[in-house]
Amino acid sequence: MVAVNASAAALFRAVSRTDGRPTILFDEIDTVFGPKAGDNEELRGFLNAGHRRSGVTYRCVGDGSNQTVQAFPSYCAVAMAGLGSLPDTILTRSVIIRMRRRARNEKVEPFRQRIHEKQGHALRDRLARWADAARPFVEDTWPTMPEGVTDRPADVWEPLLAVADAAGGAWPVRARAACLELVTAASEDDKASLGIRLLTDLRDVVFCGADRMPTAVILECLNGMDDAPWGDYNGKPLTSRGLSRMLSLYVTEANKPIKPRPIRTAAGVPRGYYAEDLTDAWARYCPPPPEKSATSATPATPQVTHGADVADELPGIRYIPAEAATAARTA
């Protein structure tokens, strides 16, 4: 089933049909979840719920006061293709294959629907017969996962490895090699996930050991990074509101949403963020920090720990540690 501008409601009903569940194909998925496409929360909820065979989506069905709650099955095979990135909740439930444009010296067989559709249907029928025969061998198996593949990636790959083990031959080895390579690539590319990218940039580029940082300085640094998305976030530079919204999805060590707080300075009390509020999220979501050499370059942002002068960034503002500010008030 090729989903072209299909609504979530239409997909609910297509998947719950009694004559078999379709395989849903989304092309140009970036037009569905891209920055100019809106949130599409209903569709995202449908795709998230369909990650497991038992997944359902509940809707009210009926007219007026004669409505009942009906569970629509959401589980089916889904393939999506598009440019850019997808919502994190979809990416973590997916096998991610990053494609490249065909080079000039690479040749591919042209797709001809009249020819290849028949071949595809024949292959589908063969796979269906094999699946019926192999079902008893995969229903209660627990395939061995490659080392380092745990949590959600293991959930995603477990049925694929079970099928590979049932197929036998070279497939168990090939499937595990593919699993390890793709999971590792996705893990290394976690920085491309906007939330994790933001946390990582804050740790490695903005704070760089500082214990607090004003929002204005954070935004100036982030929006000035040439290799980062912040200067053109949703078509414009990242704002204080956007920064606050993204960070509020993560929590402090005390399990409270990360929020801007007043930072006391000699020239005023701007709002900003404290490293202690970000430390737990850095430890849980970010890749290990890069090793620093003895000749490391000067950090991109001013260090505000221990009252460092940042007059070049914000004229007239000197950052005073909390203990020094307390002593000044009590003197």
C-alpha atoms as a PDB file:
ATOM      1  CA  MET A   1       0.000   0.000   0.000  1.00  0.00           C
ATOM      2  CA  VAL A   2       1.597   3.251  -1.157  1.00  0.00           C
ATOM      3  CA  ALA A   3       0.498   5.959   1.283  1.00  0.00           C
ATOM      4  CA  VAL A   4       0.219   9.175  -0.716  1.00  0.00           C
ATOM      5  CA  ASN A   5      -1.257  11.944   1.432  1.00  0.00           C
ATOM      6  CA  ALA A   6      -3.058   9.292   3.498  1.00  0.00           C
ATOM      7  CA  SER A   7      -4.664  10.437   6.740  1.00  0.00           C
ATOM      8  CA  ALA A   8      -4.129   8.630  10.017  1.00  0.00           C
ATOM      9  CA  ALA A   9      -7.837   7.708  10.080  1.00  0.00           C
ATOM     10  CA  ALA A  10      -7.570   6.051   6.662  1.00  0.00           C
ATOM     11  CA  LEU A  11      -4.526   4.076   7.766  1.00  0.00           C
ATOM     12  CA  PHE A  12      -6.298   2.905  10.950  1.00  0.00           C
ATOM     13  CA  ARG A  13      -8.988   1.309   8.830  1.00  0.00           C
ATOM     14  CA  ALA A  14      -6.658  -0.060   6.173  1.00  0.00           C
ATOM     15  CA  VAL A  15      -4.557  -1.895   8.758  1.00  0.00           C
ATOM     16  CA  SER A  16      -7.604  -3.294  10.594  1.00  0.00           C
ATOM     17  CA  ARG A  17      -9.120  -4.898   7.480  1.00  0.00           C
ATOM     18  CA  THR A  18      -9.975  -8.567   7.871  1.00  0.00           C
ATOM     19  CA  ASP A  19      -8.446  -9.612   4.535  1.00  0.00           C
ATOM     20  CA  GLY A  20      -4.868  -9.046   5.711  1.00  0.00           C
ATOM     21  CA  ARG A  21      -2.640  -6.260   6.885  1.00  0.00           C
ATOM     22  CA  PRO A  22      -0.891  -4.212   4.234  1.00  0.00           C
ATOM     23  CA  THR A  23       2.741  -3.186   4.042  1.00  0.00           C
ATOM     24  CA  ILE A  24       2.649   0.617   4.083  1.00  0.00           C
ATOM     25  CA  LEU A  25       5.146   2.491   1.925  1.00  0.00           C
ATOM     26  CA  PHE A  26       5.767   6.192   2.549  1.00  0.00           C
ATOM     27  CA  ASP A  27       7.798   8.125   0.002  1.00  0.00           C
ATOM     28  CA  GLU A  28       8.904  11.730   0.563  1.00  0.00           C
ATOM     29  CA  ILE A  29       8.220  11.280   4.272  1.00  0.00           C
ATOM     30  CA  ASP A  30      10.033  14.582   4.868  1.00  0.00           C
ATOM     31  CA  THR A  31       6.930  16.332   3.509  1.00  0.00           C
ATOM     32  CA  VAL A  32       4.909  14.651   6.276  1.00  0.00           C
ATOM     33  CA  PHE A  33       7.227  15.329   9.236  1.00  0.00           C
ATOM     34  CA  GLY A  34       9.442  18.112   7.890  1.00  0.00           C
ATOM     35  CA  PRO A  35       9.657  21.590   9.489  1.00  0.00           C
ATOM     36  CA  LYS A  36       7.035  23.028   7.121  1.00  0.00           C
ATOM     37  CA  ALA A  37       4.610  20.105   7.399  1.00  0.00           C
ATOM     38  CA  GLY A  38       3.272  20.590  10.928  1.00  0.00           C
ATOM     39  CA  ASP A  39       3.401  18.082  13.738  1.00  0.00           C
ATOM     40  CA  ASN A  40       1.147  15.318  12.312  1.00  0.00           C
ATOM     41  CA  GLU A  41       0.829  13.892  15.810  1.00  0.00           C
ATOM     42  CA  GLU A  42      -1.970  11.495  14.841  1.00  0.00           C
ATOM     43  CA  LEU A  43       0.155   9.852  12.181  1.00  0.00           C
ATOM     44  CA  ARG A  44       3.188   9.745  14.432  1.00  0.00           C
ATOM     45  CA  GLY A  45       1.097   8.123  17.177  1.00  0.00           C
ATOM     46  CA  PHE A  46      -0.174   5.534  14.698  1.00  0.00           C
ATOM     47  CA  LEU A  47       3.357   4.644  13.577  1.00  0.00           C
ATOM     48  CA  ASN A  48       4.656   4.502  17.145  1.00  0.00           C
ATOM     49  CA  ALA A  49       1.810   2.251  18.310  1.00  0.00           C
ATOM     50  CA  GLY A  50       2.368  -0.118  15.379  1.00  0.00           C
ATOM     51  CA  HIS A  51       5.884  -0.937  16.527  1.00  0.00           C
ATOM     52  CA  ARG A  52       4.593  -4.049  18.328  1.00  0.00           C
ATOM     53  CA  ARG A  53       2.177  -6.725  17.132  1.00  0.00           C
ATOM     54  CA  SER A  54      -0.154  -5.946  20.037  1.00  0.00           C
ATOM     55  CA  GLY A  55      -0.190  -2.223  19.248  1.00  0.00           C
ATOM     56  CA  VAL A  56      -3.611  -0.596  18.929  1.00  0.00           C
ATOM     57  CA  THR A  57      -4.952   2.931  18.596  1.00  0.00           C
ATOM     58  CA  TYR A  58      -8.186   3.859  20.369  1.00  0.00           C
ATOM     59  CA  ARG A  59     -10.822   6.060  18.750  1.00  0.00           C
ATOM     60  CA  CYS A  60     -14.452   6.951  19.464  1.00  0.00           C
ATOM     61  CA  VAL A  61     -16.807   5.585  16.810  1.00  0.00           C
ATOM     62  CA  GLY A  62     -20.463   6.496  16.366  1.00  0.00           C
ATOM     63  CA  ASP A  63     -22.763   9.503  16.136  1.00  0.00           C
ATOM     64  CA  GLY A  64     -23.545  12.042  18.810  1.00  0.00           C
ATOM     65  CA  SER A  65     -24.008  10.451  22.212  1.00  0.00           C
ATOM     66  CA  ASN A  66     -24.071   6.942  20.723  1.00  0.00           C
ATOM     67  CA  GLN A  67     -20.311   6.571  20.590  1.00  0.00           C
ATOM     68  CA  THR A  68     -18.200   3.662  21.678  1.00  0.00           C
ATOM     69  CA  VAL A  69     -14.467   3.288  22.097  1.00  0.00           C
ATOM     70  CA  GLN A  70     -12.982   1.062  19.414  1.00  0.00           C
ATOM     71  CA  ALA A  71      -9.452  -0.324  19.276  1.00  0.00           C
ATOM     72  CA  PHE A  72      -7.894  -0.181  15.807  1.00  0.00           C
ATOM     73  CA  PRO A  73      -4.899  -2.487  15.257  1.00  0.00           C
ATOM     74  CA  SER A  74      -1.847  -0.440  14.307  1.00  0.00           C
ATOM     75  CA  TYR A  75       0.722  -3.160  13.728  1.00  0.00           C
ATOM     76  CA  CYS A  76       2.001  -3.621  10.189  1.00  0.00           C
ATOM     77  CA  ALA A  77       5.223  -3.434   8.225  1.00  0.00           C
ATOM     78  CA  VAL A  78       6.159   0.135   7.285  1.00  0.00           C
ATOM     79  CA  ALA A  79       8.927   1.466   5.039  1.00  0.00           C
ATOM     80  CA  MET A  80       9.668   5.178   4.808  1.00  0.00           C
ATOM     81  CA  ALA A  81      11.950   7.083   2.460  1.00  0.00           C
ATOM     82  CA  GLY A  82      12.766  10.752   2.535  1.00  0.00           C
ATOM     83  CA  LEU A  83      15.307  13.499   3.010  1.00  0.00           C
ATOM     84  CA  GLY A  84      16.506  14.818   6.340  1.00  0.00           C
ATOM     85  CA  SER A  85      15.555  13.400   9.699  1.00  0.00           C
ATOM     86  CA  LEU A  86      12.405  11.979  11.273  1.00  0.00           C
ATOM     87  CA  PRO A  87      10.972  12.332  14.782  1.00  0.00           C
ATOM     88  CA  ASP A  88      13.118  10.585  17.381  1.00  0.00           C
ATOM     89  CA  THR A  89      10.249   8.312  18.440  1.00  0.00           C
ATOM     90  CA  ILE A  90      10.057   6.903  14.908  1.00  0.00           C
ATOM     91  CA  LEU A  91      13.812   6.613  14.383  1.00  0.00           C
ATOM     92  CA  THR A  92      14.313   4.597  17.565  1.00  0.00           C
ATOM     93  CA  ARG A  93      11.700   2.085  16.369  1.00  0.00           C
ATOM     94  CA  SER A  94      13.277   1.664  12.941  1.00  0.00           C
ATOM     95  CA  VAL A  95      16.064  -0.032  11.068  1.00  0.00           C
ATOM     96  CA  ILE A  96      17.817   2.986   9.585  1.00  0.00           C
ATOM     97  CA  ILE A  97      19.495   2.595   6.191  1.00  0.00           C
ATOM     98  CA  ARG A  98      21.197   5.762   4.998  1.00  0.00           C
ATOM     99  CA  MET A  99      21.209   5.939   1.213  1.00  0.00           C
ATOM    100  CA  ARG A 100      23.516   7.734  -1.184  1.00  0.00           C
ATOM    101  CA  ARG A 101      22.919   9.237  -4.577  1.00  0.00           C
ATOM    102  CA  ARG A 102      23.916   6.932  -7.428  1.00  0.00           C
ATOM    103  CA  ALA A 103      27.321   7.792  -8.862  1.00  0.00           C
ATOM    104  CA  ARG A 104      27.705   8.410 -12.596  1.00  0.00           C
ATOM    105  CA  ASN A 105      29.634   5.173 -13.058  1.00  0.00           C
ATOM    106  CA  GLU A 106      27.048   3.064 -11.214  1.00  0.00           C
ATOM    107  CA  LYS A 107      24.354   1.410 -13.289  1.00  0.00           C
ATOM    108  CA  VAL A 108      20.997   0.152 -12.047  1.00  0.00           C
ATOM    109  CA  GLU A 109      18.268  -1.771 -13.795  1.00  0.00           C
ATOM    110  CA  PRO A 110      15.349   0.528 -14.688  1.00  0.00           C
ATOM    111  CA  PHE A 111      12.116  -0.201 -12.823  1.00  0.00           C
ATOM    112  CA  ARG A 112       9.347  -1.383 -15.137  1.00  0.00           C
ATOM    113  CA  GLN A 113       6.046  -1.864 -13.346  1.00  0.00           C
ATOM    114  CA  ARG A 114       4.641  -4.267 -15.951  1.00  0.00           C
ATOM    115  CA  ILE A 115       7.628  -6.576 -15.409  1.00  0.00           C
ATOM    116  CA  HIS A 116       8.682  -6.088 -11.822  1.00  0.00           C
ATOM    117  CA  GLU A 117       5.220  -6.034 -10.273  1.00  0.00           C
ATOM    118  CA  LYS A 118       4.641  -9.621 -11.420  1.00  0.00           C
ATOM    119  CA  GLN A 119       8.058 -10.649 -10.120  1.00  0.00           C
ATOM    120  CA  GLY A 120       7.343  -8.947  -6.803  1.00  0.00           C
ATOM    121  CA  HIS A 121       4.016 -10.736  -6.413  1.00  0.00           C
ATOM    122  CA  ALA A 122       5.658 -14.085  -7.147  1.00  0.00           C
ATOM    123  CA  LEU A 123       8.348 -13.395  -4.549  1.00  0.00           C
ATOM    124  CA  ARG A 124       5.686 -12.328  -2.048  1.00  0.00           C
ATOM    125  CA  ASP A 125       3.818 -15.607  -2.514  1.00  0.00           C
ATOM    126  CA  ARG A 126       7.010 -17.647  -2.045  1.00  0.00           C
ATOM    127  CA  LEU A 127       7.860 -15.751   1.137  1.00  0.00           C
ATOM    128  CA  ALA A 128       4.329 -16.245   2.467  1.00  0.00           C
ATOM    129  CA  ARG A 129       4.560 -20.012   1.958  1.00  0.00           C
ATOM    130  CA  TRP A 130       7.973 -20.096   3.636  1.00  0.00           C
ATOM    131  CA  ALA A 131       6.701 -17.983   6.562  1.00  0.00           C
ATOM    132  CA  ASP A 132       3.835 -20.419   7.174  1.00  0.00           C
ATOM    133  CA  ALA A 133       6.286 -23.315   7.268  1.00  0.00           C
ATOM    134  CA  ALA A 134       8.837 -21.479   9.438  1.00  0.00           C
ATOM    135  CA  ARG A 135       6.378 -20.006  11.956  1.00  0.00           C
ATOM    136  CA  PRO A 136       6.714 -22.861  14.508  1.00  0.00           C
ATOM    137  CA  PHE A 137      10.498 -22.380  14.513  1.00  0.00           C
ATOM    138  CA  VAL A 138      10.481 -18.638  15.233  1.00  0.00           C
ATOM    139  CA  GLU A 139       7.523 -18.091  17.563  1.00  0.00           C
ATOM    140  CA  ASP A 140       9.265 -18.998  20.824  1.00  0.00           C
ATOM    141  CA  THR A 141      12.907 -18.407  19.934  1.00  0.00           C
ATOM    142  CA  TRP A 142      15.252 -15.892  21.544  1.00  0.00           C
ATOM    143  CA  PRO A 143      17.993 -15.163  19.023  1.00  0.00           C
ATOM    144  CA  THR A 144      21.432 -14.243  20.303  1.00  0.00           C
ATOM    145  CA  MET A 145      22.062 -10.539  19.800  1.00  0.00           C
ATOM    146  CA  PRO A 146      25.431  -9.151  18.683  1.00  0.00           C
ATOM    147  CA  GLU A 147      27.480  -7.716  21.524  1.00  0.00           C
ATOM    148  CA  GLY A 148      26.446  -4.168  22.350  1.00  0.00           C
ATOM    149  CA  VAL A 149      22.961  -4.384  20.793  1.00  0.00           C
ATOM    150  CA  THR A 150      20.520  -3.885  23.670  1.00  0.00           C
ATOM    151  CA  ASP A 151      17.309  -2.087  24.635  1.00  0.00           C
ATOM    152  CA  ARG A 152      15.216  -0.667  21.759  1.00  0.00           C
ATOM    153  CA  PRO A 153      17.643  -1.698  18.957  1.00  0.00           C
ATOM    154  CA  ALA A 154      17.460  -5.279  20.262  1.00  0.00           C
ATOM    155  CA  ASP A 155      13.650  -5.131  20.175  1.00  0.00           C
ATOM    156  CA  VAL A 156      13.777  -3.928  16.571  1.00  0.00           C
ATOM    157  CA  TRP A 157      16.241  -6.543  15.351  1.00  0.00           C
ATOM    158  CA  GLU A 158      15.092  -9.589  17.329  1.00  0.00           C
ATOM    159  CA  PRO A 159      12.400 -10.756  14.851  1.00  0.00           C
ATOM    160  CA  LEU A 160      14.725 -10.191  11.897  1.00  0.00           C
ATOM    161  CA  LEU A 161      17.463 -12.298  13.472  1.00  0.00           C
ATOM    162  CA  ALA A 162      14.922 -15.000  14.346  1.00  0.00           C
ATOM    163  CA  VAL A 163      13.903 -15.157  10.683  1.00  0.00           C
ATOM    164  CA  ALA A 164      17.565 -15.295   9.620  1.00  0.00           C
ATOM    165  CA  ASP A 165      18.224 -18.178  12.022  1.00  0.00           C
ATOM    166  CA  ALA A 166      15.234 -20.050  10.608  1.00  0.00           C
ATOM    167  CA  ALA A 167      16.474 -19.482   7.051  1.00  0.00           C
ATOM    168  CA  GLY A 168      19.846 -20.997   7.953  1.00  0.00           C
ATOM    169  CA  GLY A 169      22.855 -21.083   5.679  1.00  0.00           C
ATOM    170  CA  ALA A 170      24.811 -17.827   5.656  1.00  0.00           C
ATOM    171  CA  TRP A 171      21.832 -15.745   6.777  1.00  0.00           C
ATOM    172  CA  PRO A 172      22.451 -15.829  10.560  1.00  0.00           C
ATOM    173  CA  VAL A 173      25.970 -14.431  10.106  1.00  0.00           C
ATOM    174  CA  ARG A 174      24.955 -11.934   7.442  1.00  0.00           C
ATOM    175  CA  ALA A 175      21.990 -10.686   9.454  1.00  0.00           C
ATOM    176  CA  ARG A 176      24.067 -10.136  12.592  1.00  0.00           C
ATOM    177  CA  ALA A 177      26.763  -8.340  10.624  1.00  0.00           C
ATOM    178  CA  ALA A 178      24.116  -6.043   9.137  1.00  0.00           C
ATOM    179  CA  CYS A 179      22.556  -5.534  12.575  1.00  0.00           C
ATOM    180  CA  LEU A 180      25.843  -4.530  14.173  1.00  0.00           C
ATOM    181  CA  GLU A 181      26.840  -2.222  11.330  1.00  0.00           C
ATOM    182  CA  LEU A 182      23.500  -0.411  11.104  1.00  0.00           C
ATOM    183  CA  VAL A 183      22.994  -0.105  14.870  1.00  0.00           C
ATOM    184  CA  THR A 184      26.540   1.211  15.280  1.00  0.00           C
ATOM    185  CA  ALA A 185      26.038   3.715  12.466  1.00  0.00           C
ATOM    186  CA  ALA A 186      22.769   4.901  13.994  1.00  0.00           C
ATOM    187  CA  SER A 187      24.410   5.214  17.410  1.00  0.00           C
ATOM    188  CA  GLU A 188      27.287   7.242  16.012  1.00  0.00           C
ATOM    189  CA  ASP A 189      24.781   9.423  14.198  1.00  0.00           C
ATOM    190  CA  ASP A 190      22.701   9.991  17.342  1.00  0.00           C
ATOM    191  CA  LYS A 191      24.263  13.423  17.426  1.00  0.00           C
ATOM    192  CA  ALA A 192      22.142  14.193  14.367  1.00  0.00           C
ATOM    193  CA  SER A 193      19.018  13.749  16.482  1.00  0.00           C
ATOM    194  CA  LEU A 194      18.201  17.346  17.287  1.00  0.00           C
ATOM    195  CA  GLY A 195      17.691  16.852  21.001  1.00  0.00           C
ATOM    196  CA  ILE A 196      20.894  14.877  21.453  1.00  0.00           C
ATOM    197  CA  ARG A 197      22.726  17.188  19.070  1.00  0.00           C
ATOM    198  CA  LEU A 198      21.677  20.159  21.198  1.00  0.00           C
ATOM    199  CA  LEU A 199      22.805  18.527  24.439  1.00  0.00           C
ATOM    200  CA  THR A 200      26.122  17.513  22.902  1.00  0.00           C
ATOM    201  CA  ASP A 201      26.806  20.959  21.456  1.00  0.00           C
ATOM    202  CA  LEU A 202      25.975  22.570  24.787  1.00  0.00           C
ATOM    203  CA  ARG A 203      28.444  20.296  26.567  1.00  0.00           C
ATOM    204  CA  ASP A 204      31.302  20.292  24.050  1.00  0.00           C
ATOM    205  CA  VAL A 205      31.043  23.729  22.424  1.00  0.00           C
ATOM    206  CA  VAL A 206      29.098  26.080  24.678  1.00  0.00           C
ATOM    207  CA  PHE A 207      29.728  25.254  28.339  1.00  0.00           C
ATOM    208  CA  CYS A 208      33.172  23.633  28.007  1.00  0.00           C
ATOM    209  CA  GLY A 209      33.481  23.286  31.775  1.00  0.00           C
ATOM    210  CA  ALA A 210      31.646  26.481  32.754  1.00  0.00           C
ATOM    211  CA  ASP A 211      29.111  26.129  35.540  1.00  0.00           C
ATOM    212  CA  ARG A 212      26.506  28.520  34.095  1.00  0.00           C
ATOM    213  CA  MET A 213      25.787  30.378  30.873  1.00  0.00           C
ATOM    214  CA  PRO A 214      23.304  33.153  29.924  1.00  0.00           C
ATOM    215  CA  THR A 215      20.764  32.281  27.264  1.00  0.00           C
ATOM    216  CA  ALA A 216      22.008  35.150  25.071  1.00  0.00           C
ATOM    217  CA  VAL A 217      25.544  33.745  25.004  1.00  0.00           C
ATOM    218  CA  ILE A 218      24.264  30.210  24.371  1.00  0.00           C
ATOM    219  CA  LEU A 219      22.195  31.329  21.383  1.00  0.00           C
ATOM    220  CA  GLU A 220      25.007  33.431  19.938  1.00  0.00           C
ATOM    221  CA  CYS A 221      27.323  30.448  20.044  1.00  0.00           C
ATOM    222  CA  LEU A 222      24.829  27.878  18.728  1.00  0.00           C
ATOM    223  CA  ASN A 223      23.572  30.054  15.884  1.00  0.00           C
ATOM    224  CA  GLY A 224      27.154  30.843  14.902  1.00  0.00           C
ATOM    225  CA  MET A 225      28.163  27.203  14.414  1.00  0.00           C
ATOM    226  CA  ASP A 226      28.712  26.635  10.693  1.00  0.00           C
ATOM    227  CA  ASP A 227      28.236  22.854  10.840  1.00  0.00           C
ATOM    228  CA  ALA A 228      25.130  22.871  13.041  1.00  0.00           C
ATOM    229  CA  PRO A 229      21.406  23.296  12.276  1.00  0.00           C
ATOM    230  CA  TRP A 230      20.765  26.026  14.855  1.00  0.00           C
ATOM    231  CA  GLY A 231      21.316  29.050  12.624  1.00  0.00           C
ATOM    232  CA  ASP A 232      18.569  27.821  10.289  1.00  0.00           C
ATOM    233  CA  TYR A 233      16.306  25.977  12.719  1.00  0.00           C
ATOM    234  CA  ASN A 234      12.867  25.696  11.083  1.00  0.00           C
ATOM    235  CA  GLY A 235      13.924  28.408   8.649  1.00  0.00           C
ATOM    236  CA  LYS A 236      15.276  30.894  11.214  1.00  0.00           C
ATOM    237  CA  PRO A 237      17.866  31.091  14.004  1.00  0.00           C
ATOM    238  CA  LEU A 238      17.146  29.205  17.210  1.00  0.00           C
ATOM    239  CA  THR A 239      15.369  31.418  19.751  1.00  0.00           C
ATOM    240  CA  SER A 240      15.270  31.399  23.535  1.00  0.00           C
ATOM    241  CA  ARG A 241      11.765  29.929  23.366  1.00  0.00           C
ATOM    242  CA  GLY A 242      12.876  27.154  21.025  1.00  0.00           C
ATOM    243  CA  LEU A 243      15.879  26.407  23.228  1.00  0.00           C
ATOM    244  CA  SER A 244      13.676  26.251  26.317  1.00  0.00           C
ATOM    245  CA  ARG A 245      11.148  23.991  24.588  1.00  0.00           C
ATOM    246  CA  MET A 246      13.803  21.514  23.444  1.00  0.00           C
ATOM    247  CA  LEU A 247      15.587  21.356  26.789  1.00  0.00           C
ATOM    248  CA  SER A 248      12.334  20.965  28.713  1.00  0.00           C
ATOM    249  CA  LEU A 249      12.038  17.467  27.212  1.00  0.00           C
ATOM    250  CA  TYR A 250      14.942  16.434  29.448  1.00  0.00           C
ATOM    251  CA  VAL A 251      15.144  16.474  33.236  1.00  0.00           C
ATOM    252  CA  THR A 252      17.658  17.345  35.910  1.00  0.00           C
ATOM    253  CA  GLU A 253      19.136  14.856  38.348  1.00  0.00           C
ATOM    254  CA  ALA A 254      16.203  15.752  40.626  1.00  0.00           C
ATOM    255  CA  ASN A 255      13.814  14.606  37.855  1.00  0.00           C
ATOM    256  CA  LYS A 256      12.540  18.105  37.096  1.00  0.00           C
ATOM    257  CA  PRO A 257      12.351  19.580  33.568  1.00  0.00           C
ATOM    258  CA  ILE A 258      15.399  21.598  32.566  1.00  0.00           C
ATOM    259  CA  LYS A 259      14.429  25.270  32.629  1.00  0.00           C
ATOM    260  CA  PRO A 260      16.260  28.610  32.455  1.00  0.00           C
ATOM    261  CA  ARG A 261      17.055  30.208  35.792  1.00  0.00           C
ATOM    262  CA  PRO A 262      18.305  33.638  36.872  1.00  0.00           C
ATOM    263  CA  ILE A 263      22.075  34.041  36.799  1.00  0.00           C
ATOM    264  CA  ARG A 264      23.320  36.706  39.187  1.00  0.00           C
ATOM    265  CA  THR A 265      25.981  38.990  37.704  1.00  0.00           C
ATOM    266  CA  ALA A 266      27.538  42.327  38.626  1.00  0.00           C
ATOM    267  CA  ALA A 267      25.555  44.002  35.837  1.00  0.00           C
ATOM    268  CA  GLY A 268      22.197  42.329  36.330  1.00  0.00           C
ATOM    269  CA  VAL A 269      20.378  39.032  36.532  1.00  0.00           C
ATOM    270  CA  PRO A 270      19.937  37.566  33.035  1.00  0.00           C
ATOM    271  CA  ARG A 271      18.305  34.180  32.618  1.00  0.00           C
ATOM    272  CA  GLY A 272      20.341  31.214  31.549  1.00  0.00           C
ATOM    273  CA  TYR A 273      21.206  27.611  32.266  1.00  0.00           C
ATOM    274  CA  TYR A 274      23.325  25.879  34.890  1.00  0.00           C
ATOM    275  CA  ALA A 275      25.602  22.972  34.061  1.00  0.00           C
ATOM    276  CA  GLU A 276      24.380  21.089  37.134  1.00  0.00           C
ATOM    277  CA  ASP A 277      20.896  20.978  35.576  1.00  0.00           C
ATOM    278  CA  LEU A 278      22.284  19.473  32.363  1.00  0.00           C
ATOM    279  CA  THR A 279      24.766  16.987  33.806  1.00  0.00           C
ATOM    280  CA  ASP A 280      22.306  14.096  34.124  1.00  0.00           C
ATOM    281  CA  ALA A 281      21.039  14.500  30.541  1.00  0.00           C
ATOM    282  CA  TRP A 282      24.613  14.728  29.254  1.00  0.00           C
ATOM    283  CA  ALA A 283      25.479  11.448  30.976  1.00  0.00           C
ATOM    284  CA  ARG A 284      22.376   9.613  29.752  1.00  0.00           C
ATOM    285  CA  TYR A 285      22.022  10.761  26.148  1.00  0.00           C
ATOM    286  CA  CYS A 286      25.289  12.162  24.803  1.00  0.00           C
ATOM    287  CA  PRO A 287      28.147  10.156  23.308  1.00  0.00           C
ATOM    288  CA  PRO A 288      31.430  10.254  25.261  1.00  0.00           C
ATOM    289  CA  PRO A 289      33.101  13.678  25.049  1.00  0.00           C
ATOM    290  CA  PRO A 290      36.050  14.001  22.679  1.00  0.00           C
ATOM    291  CA  GLU A 291      39.475  13.614  24.218  1.00  0.00           C
ATOM    292  CA  LYS A 292      41.211  16.923  24.808  1.00  0.00           C
ATOM    293  CA  SER A 293      44.861  17.332  23.929  1.00  0.00           C
ATOM    294  CA  ALA A 294      47.280  19.620  25.724  1.00  0.00           C
ATOM    295  CA  THR A 295      47.110  21.973  22.743  1.00  0.00           C
ATOM    296  CA  SER A 296      43.323  22.127  22.545  1.00  0.00           C
ATOM    297  CA  ALA A 297      41.926  25.291  21.045  1.00  0.00           C
ATOM    298  CA  THR A 298      40.301  27.929  23.203  1.00  0.00           C
ATOM    299  CA  PRO A 299      36.579  27.147  23.750  1.00  0.00           C
ATOM    300  CA  ALA A 300      34.113  28.921  21.473  1.00  0.00           C
ATOM    301  CA  THR A 301      32.282  30.548  24.383  1.00  0.00           C
ATOM    302  CA  PRO A 302      33.587  32.521  27.334  1.00  0.00           C
ATOM    303  CA  GLN A 303      34.185  30.654  30.549  1.00  0.00           C
ATOM    304  CA  VAL A 304      31.929  32.020  33.246  1.00  0.00           C
ATOM    305  CA  THR A 305      33.176  29.966  36.159  1.00  0.00           C
ATOM    306  CA  HIS A 306      34.923  31.882  38.916  1.00  0.00           C
ATOM    307  CA  GLY A 307      33.927  35.323  37.700  1.00  0.00           C
ATOM    308  CA  ALA A 308      35.526  35.299  34.256  1.00  0.00           C
ATOM    309  CA  ASP A 309      35.129  38.579  32.383  1.00  0.00           C
ATOM    310  CA  VAL A 310      33.038  38.195  29.218  1.00  0.00           C
ATOM    311  CA  ALA A 311      33.013  41.847  28.214  1.00  0.00           C
ATOM    312  CA  ASP A 312      33.718  40.868  24.601  1.00  0.00           C
ATOM    313  CA  GLU A 313      30.432  38.940  24.506  1.00  0.00           C
ATOM    314  CA  LEU A 314      28.214  41.026  26.778  1.00  0.00           C
ATOM    315  CA  PRO A 315      29.843  44.374  27.617  1.00  0.00           C
ATOM    316  CA  GLY A 316      29.820  45.313  31.279  1.00  0.00           C
ATOM    317  CA  ILE A 317      28.818  41.894  32.587  1.00  0.00           C
ATOM    318  CA  ARG A 318      31.056  39.968  34.932  1.00  0.00           C
ATOM    319  CA  TYR A 319      29.941  36.573  36.202  1.00  0.00           C
ATOM    320  CA  ILE A 320      30.220  36.060  39.931  1.00  0.00           C
ATOM    321  CA  PRO A 321      30.096  32.603  41.507  1.00  0.00           C
ATOM    322  CA  ALA A 322      27.100  32.038  43.737  1.00  0.00           C
ATOM    323  CA  GLU A 323      29.223  31.841  46.891  1.00  0.00           C
ATOM    324  CA  ALA A 324      30.911  35.160  46.083  1.00  0.00           C
ATOM    325  CA  ALA A 325      27.567  36.820  45.419  1.00  0.00           C
ATOM    326  CA  THR A 326      26.258  35.563  48.753  1.00  0.00           C
ATOM    327  CA  ALA A 327      29.295  36.920  50.559  1.00  0.00           C
ATOM    328  CA  ALA A 328      28.855  40.300  48.862  1.00  0.00           C
ATOM    329  CA  ARG A 329      25.229  40.527  49.961  1.00  0.00           C
ATOM    330  CA  THR A 330      26.038  39.655  53.572  1.00  0.00           C
ATOM    331  CA  ALA A 331      29.058  41.956  53.818  1.00  0.00           C
END
